[in-house]
């Protein structure tokens, strides 16, 4: 059985785009991809290696729960700097 790998995102990444059903806009909570052994569409990198199709888990406030979207459905993305932790003094 193919594995779907998931890693949390520890920086703030705001994305927006459109899926087959509707549009989305929100903060990325995690990234996901299938293992190398999985069958399915692959993208080629510039050096010729096979790369898995990336998915983003997006928290869109207009949706009842976070949604998985494919990387190809993104129309924009913007990283925000991580704010330094407040100093306790």
N, C-alpha and C. Protein backbone atom coordinates (compact mmCIF):
# COMPACT_ATOMS: atom_id res chain seq x y z
N UNK A 1 0.84 -1.18 0.00
CA UNK A 1 0.00 0.00 0.00
C UNK A 1 0.89 1.24 0.00
N UNK A 2 0.62 2.22 -0.87
CA UNK A 2 1.44 3.42 -0.94
C UNK A 2 1.32 4.26 0.33
N UNK A 3 2.43 4.88 0.70
CA UNK A 3 2.44 5.77 1.85
C UNK A 3 2.28 7.21 1.40
N UNK A 4 1.53 7.96 2.19
CA UNK A 4 1.40 9.40 1.96
C UNK A 4 2.16 10.07 3.09
N UNK A 5 3.24 10.75 2.77
CA UNK A 5 4.10 11.40 3.76
C UNK A 5 3.57 12.79 4.06
N UNK A 6 3.58 13.16 5.33
CA UNK A 6 3.10 14.47 5.75
C UNK A 6 4.12 15.08 6.71
N UNK A 7 4.46 16.35 6.48
CA UNK A 7 5.32 17.09 7.39
C UNK A 7 4.66 18.43 7.69
N UNK A 8 4.71 18.86 8.96
CA UNK A 8 4.13 20.16 9.31
C UNK A 8 4.99 21.30 8.76
N UNK A 9 4.36 22.43 8.54
CA UNK A 9 5.07 23.63 8.10
C UNK A 9 5.22 24.52 9.32
N UNK A 10 6.46 24.90 9.65
CA UNK A 10 6.68 25.70 10.84
C UNK A 10 6.92 27.18 10.55
N UNK A 11 6.68 27.58 9.31
CA UNK A 11 6.72 29.00 8.93
C UNK A 11 5.37 29.35 8.33
N UNK A 12 5.04 30.63 8.31
CA UNK A 12 3.73 31.03 7.80
C UNK A 12 3.78 31.20 6.29
N UNK A 13 3.03 30.36 5.60
CA UNK A 13 2.92 30.41 4.14
C UNK A 13 1.45 30.59 3.79
N UNK A 14 1.13 31.72 3.17
CA UNK A 14 -0.23 32.01 2.72
C UNK A 14 -0.32 31.66 1.25
N UNK A 15 -1.32 30.83 0.90
CA UNK A 15 -1.51 30.44 -0.50
C UNK A 15 -2.94 30.74 -0.92
N UNK A 16 -3.13 30.86 -2.22
CA UNK A 16 -4.47 30.95 -2.77
C UNK A 16 -4.48 30.31 -4.14
N UNK A 17 -5.67 29.90 -4.55
CA UNK A 17 -5.79 29.25 -5.84
C UNK A 17 -7.21 28.76 -6.07
N UNK A 18 -7.33 27.85 -7.01
CA UNK A 18 -8.63 27.33 -7.37
C UNK A 18 -8.53 25.83 -7.62
N UNK A 19 -9.40 25.07 -6.96
CA UNK A 19 -9.48 23.63 -7.19
C UNK A 19 -10.57 23.39 -8.23
N UNK A 20 -10.87 22.14 -8.49
CA UNK A 20 -11.92 21.84 -9.47
C UNK A 20 -13.28 22.28 -8.96
N UNK A 21 -13.45 22.36 -7.65
CA UNK A 21 -14.75 22.71 -7.08
C UNK A 21 -14.91 24.20 -6.79
N UNK A 22 -13.92 24.80 -6.13
CA UNK A 22 -14.03 26.21 -5.75
C UNK A 22 -12.67 26.80 -5.44
N UNK A 23 -12.65 28.07 -5.09
CA UNK A 23 -11.39 28.74 -4.77
C UNK A 23 -11.06 28.55 -3.29
N UNK A 24 -9.80 28.79 -2.96
CA UNK A 24 -9.35 28.68 -1.58
C UNK A 24 -8.29 29.74 -1.31
N UNK A 25 -8.15 30.10 -0.04
CA UNK A 25 -7.14 31.05 0.41
C UNK A 25 -6.90 30.79 1.88
N UNK A 26 -5.66 30.55 2.26
CA UNK A 26 -5.39 30.30 3.66
C UNK A 26 -3.94 29.98 3.95
N UNK A 27 -3.69 29.65 5.21
CA UNK A 27 -2.36 29.32 5.70
C UNK A 27 -2.10 27.82 5.52
N UNK A 28 -0.89 27.48 5.08
CA UNK A 28 -0.50 26.08 4.90
C UNK A 28 -0.12 25.50 6.26
N UNK A 29 -0.75 24.38 6.61
CA UNK A 29 -0.48 23.69 7.86
C UNK A 29 0.56 22.57 7.69
N UNK A 30 0.56 21.93 6.51
CA UNK A 30 1.46 20.80 6.27
C UNK A 30 1.66 20.60 4.77
N UNK A 31 2.71 19.86 4.43
CA UNK A 31 2.98 19.44 3.05
C UNK A 31 2.85 17.93 3.00
N UNK A 32 2.40 17.41 1.86
CA UNK A 32 2.26 15.97 1.71
C UNK A 32 2.70 15.52 0.34
N UNK A 33 3.17 14.27 0.25
CA UNK A 33 3.55 13.66 -1.02
C UNK A 33 3.55 12.14 -0.86
N UNK A 34 3.44 11.45 -1.96
CA UNK A 34 3.48 9.99 -1.96
C UNK A 34 4.92 9.51 -2.06
N UNK A 35 5.18 8.31 -1.56
CA UNK A 35 6.53 7.77 -1.60
C UNK A 35 6.97 7.50 -3.02
N UNK A 36 8.26 7.39 -3.23
CA UNK A 36 8.86 7.22 -4.55
C UNK A 36 8.36 5.97 -5.26
N UNK A 37 8.02 4.92 -4.53
CA UNK A 37 7.59 3.67 -5.16
C UNK A 37 6.19 3.76 -5.75
N UNK A 38 5.43 4.78 -5.36
CA UNK A 38 4.04 4.88 -5.79
C UNK A 38 3.93 5.09 -7.29
N UNK A 39 2.92 4.53 -7.85
CA UNK A 39 2.62 4.78 -9.25
C UNK A 39 1.83 6.08 -9.34
N UNK A 40 1.92 6.75 -10.43
CA UNK A 40 1.16 7.98 -10.61
C UNK A 40 1.99 9.02 -11.33
N UNK A 41 1.37 10.17 -11.61
CA UNK A 41 2.07 11.21 -12.36
C UNK A 41 3.24 11.77 -11.57
N UNK A 42 4.30 12.05 -12.26
CA UNK A 42 5.49 12.63 -11.65
C UNK A 42 5.94 13.82 -12.47
N UNK A 43 6.56 14.76 -11.79
CA UNK A 43 7.19 15.88 -12.49
C UNK A 43 8.67 15.58 -12.60
N UNK A 44 9.30 16.12 -13.58
CA UNK A 44 10.75 15.93 -13.76
C UNK A 44 11.46 17.19 -13.30
N UNK A 45 12.51 17.02 -12.52
CA UNK A 45 13.33 18.16 -12.13
C UNK A 45 14.30 18.47 -13.26
N UNK A 46 15.05 19.53 -13.11
CA UNK A 46 15.98 19.91 -14.16
C UNK A 46 17.11 18.90 -14.31
N UNK A 47 17.43 18.18 -13.26
CA UNK A 47 18.52 17.22 -13.36
C UNK A 47 18.02 15.83 -13.74
N UNK A 48 16.72 15.70 -14.06
CA UNK A 48 16.19 14.46 -14.58
C UNK A 48 15.63 13.51 -13.54
N UNK A 49 15.71 13.84 -12.27
CA UNK A 49 15.16 12.97 -11.25
C UNK A 49 13.65 13.09 -11.19
N UNK A 50 13.02 12.01 -10.83
CA UNK A 50 11.57 11.99 -10.68
C UNK A 50 11.19 12.66 -9.36
N UNK A 51 10.21 13.56 -9.39
CA UNK A 51 9.78 14.25 -8.18
C UNK A 51 8.31 13.96 -7.93
N UNK A 52 7.93 13.75 -6.67
CA UNK A 52 6.52 13.48 -6.37
C UNK A 52 5.68 14.74 -6.50
N UNK A 53 4.41 14.56 -6.73
CA UNK A 53 3.47 15.68 -6.78
C UNK A 53 3.20 16.15 -5.36
N UNK A 54 3.46 17.42 -5.10
CA UNK A 54 3.27 17.98 -3.75
C UNK A 54 1.81 18.36 -3.53
N UNK A 55 1.38 18.23 -2.29
CA UNK A 55 0.05 18.65 -1.84
C UNK A 55 0.22 19.55 -0.63
N UNK A 56 -0.67 20.51 -0.48
CA UNK A 56 -0.64 21.45 0.63
C UNK A 56 -1.92 21.30 1.44
N UNK A 57 -1.79 21.22 2.77
CA UNK A 57 -2.95 21.20 3.66
C UNK A 57 -3.21 22.65 4.05
N UNK A 58 -4.33 23.20 3.54
CA UNK A 58 -4.62 24.63 3.68
C UNK A 58 -5.77 24.84 4.65
N UNK A 59 -5.55 25.75 5.60
CA UNK A 59 -6.59 26.16 6.53
C UNK A 59 -7.26 27.41 5.97
N UNK A 60 -8.40 27.22 5.34
CA UNK A 60 -9.18 28.31 4.75
C UNK A 60 -10.35 28.59 5.69
N UNK A 61 -10.45 29.82 6.20
CA UNK A 61 -11.49 30.16 7.17
C UNK A 61 -12.90 30.00 6.63
N UNK A 62 -13.06 29.98 5.31
CA UNK A 62 -14.40 29.83 4.73
C UNK A 62 -14.83 28.36 4.62
N UNK A 63 -13.93 27.45 4.97
CA UNK A 63 -14.23 26.01 4.89
C UNK A 63 -14.36 25.44 6.30
N UNK A 64 -15.17 24.38 6.48
CA UNK A 64 -15.37 23.81 7.81
C UNK A 64 -14.14 23.06 8.35
N UNK A 65 -13.21 22.67 7.48
CA UNK A 65 -12.01 21.94 7.89
C UNK A 65 -10.90 22.23 6.88
N UNK A 66 -9.63 22.01 7.27
CA UNK A 66 -8.53 22.19 6.30
C UNK A 66 -8.73 21.27 5.09
N UNK A 67 -8.22 21.71 3.94
CA UNK A 67 -8.37 20.94 2.71
C UNK A 67 -7.00 20.67 2.10
N UNK A 68 -6.86 19.52 1.42
CA UNK A 68 -5.65 19.21 0.66
C UNK A 68 -5.81 19.76 -0.75
N UNK A 69 -4.81 20.49 -1.23
CA UNK A 69 -4.82 20.99 -2.60
C UNK A 69 -3.51 20.60 -3.27
N UNK A 70 -3.57 20.38 -4.57
CA UNK A 70 -2.37 20.04 -5.34
C UNK A 70 -1.56 21.30 -5.61
N UNK A 71 -0.25 21.15 -5.71
CA UNK A 71 0.63 22.29 -5.95
C UNK A 71 0.24 23.04 -7.22
N UNK A 72 -0.21 22.32 -8.24
CA UNK A 72 -0.58 22.93 -9.51
C UNK A 72 -1.82 23.82 -9.43
N UNK A 73 -2.57 23.73 -8.33
CA UNK A 73 -3.77 24.54 -8.17
C UNK A 73 -3.48 25.89 -7.52
N UNK A 74 -2.25 26.12 -7.09
CA UNK A 74 -1.90 27.39 -6.45
C UNK A 74 -1.72 28.48 -7.50
N UNK A 75 -2.30 29.64 -7.24
CA UNK A 75 -2.08 30.78 -8.13
C UNK A 75 -1.11 31.78 -7.51
N UNK A 76 -0.96 31.73 -6.17
CA UNK A 76 0.02 32.58 -5.50
C UNK A 76 0.39 31.98 -4.16
N UNK A 77 1.58 32.33 -3.72
CA UNK A 77 2.04 31.94 -2.40
C UNK A 77 2.95 33.03 -1.85
N UNK A 78 2.89 33.24 -0.55
CA UNK A 78 3.68 34.29 0.07
C UNK A 78 4.13 33.82 1.45
N UNK A 79 5.45 33.82 1.65
CA UNK A 79 6.02 33.49 2.96
C UNK A 79 5.99 34.73 3.82
N UNK A 80 5.69 34.56 5.09
CA UNK A 80 5.74 35.65 6.05
C UNK A 80 6.85 35.35 7.05
N UNK A 81 7.59 36.37 7.48
CA UNK A 81 8.67 36.12 8.44
C UNK A 81 8.10 35.62 9.77
N UNK A 82 8.87 34.79 10.42
CA UNK A 82 8.49 34.30 11.73
C UNK A 82 8.81 35.39 12.75
N UNK A 83 7.84 35.76 13.55
CA UNK A 83 8.06 36.80 14.55
C UNK A 83 8.91 36.23 15.68
N UNK A 84 9.86 37.02 16.18
CA UNK A 84 10.69 36.52 17.28
C UNK A 84 9.82 36.33 18.54
N UNK A 85 10.21 35.38 19.35
CA UNK A 85 9.48 35.13 20.59
C UNK A 85 9.61 36.33 21.52
N UNK A 86 8.53 36.69 22.21
CA UNK A 86 8.61 37.83 23.12
C UNK A 86 9.59 37.54 24.25
N UNK A 87 10.36 38.55 24.60
CA UNK A 87 11.34 38.36 25.67
C UNK A 87 10.66 38.54 27.03
N UNK A 88 11.04 37.67 27.92
CA UNK A 88 10.51 37.75 29.29
C UNK A 88 11.52 38.49 30.12
N UNK A 89 11.11 39.60 30.67
CA UNK A 89 12.13 40.39 31.31
C UNK A 89 11.75 40.82 32.61
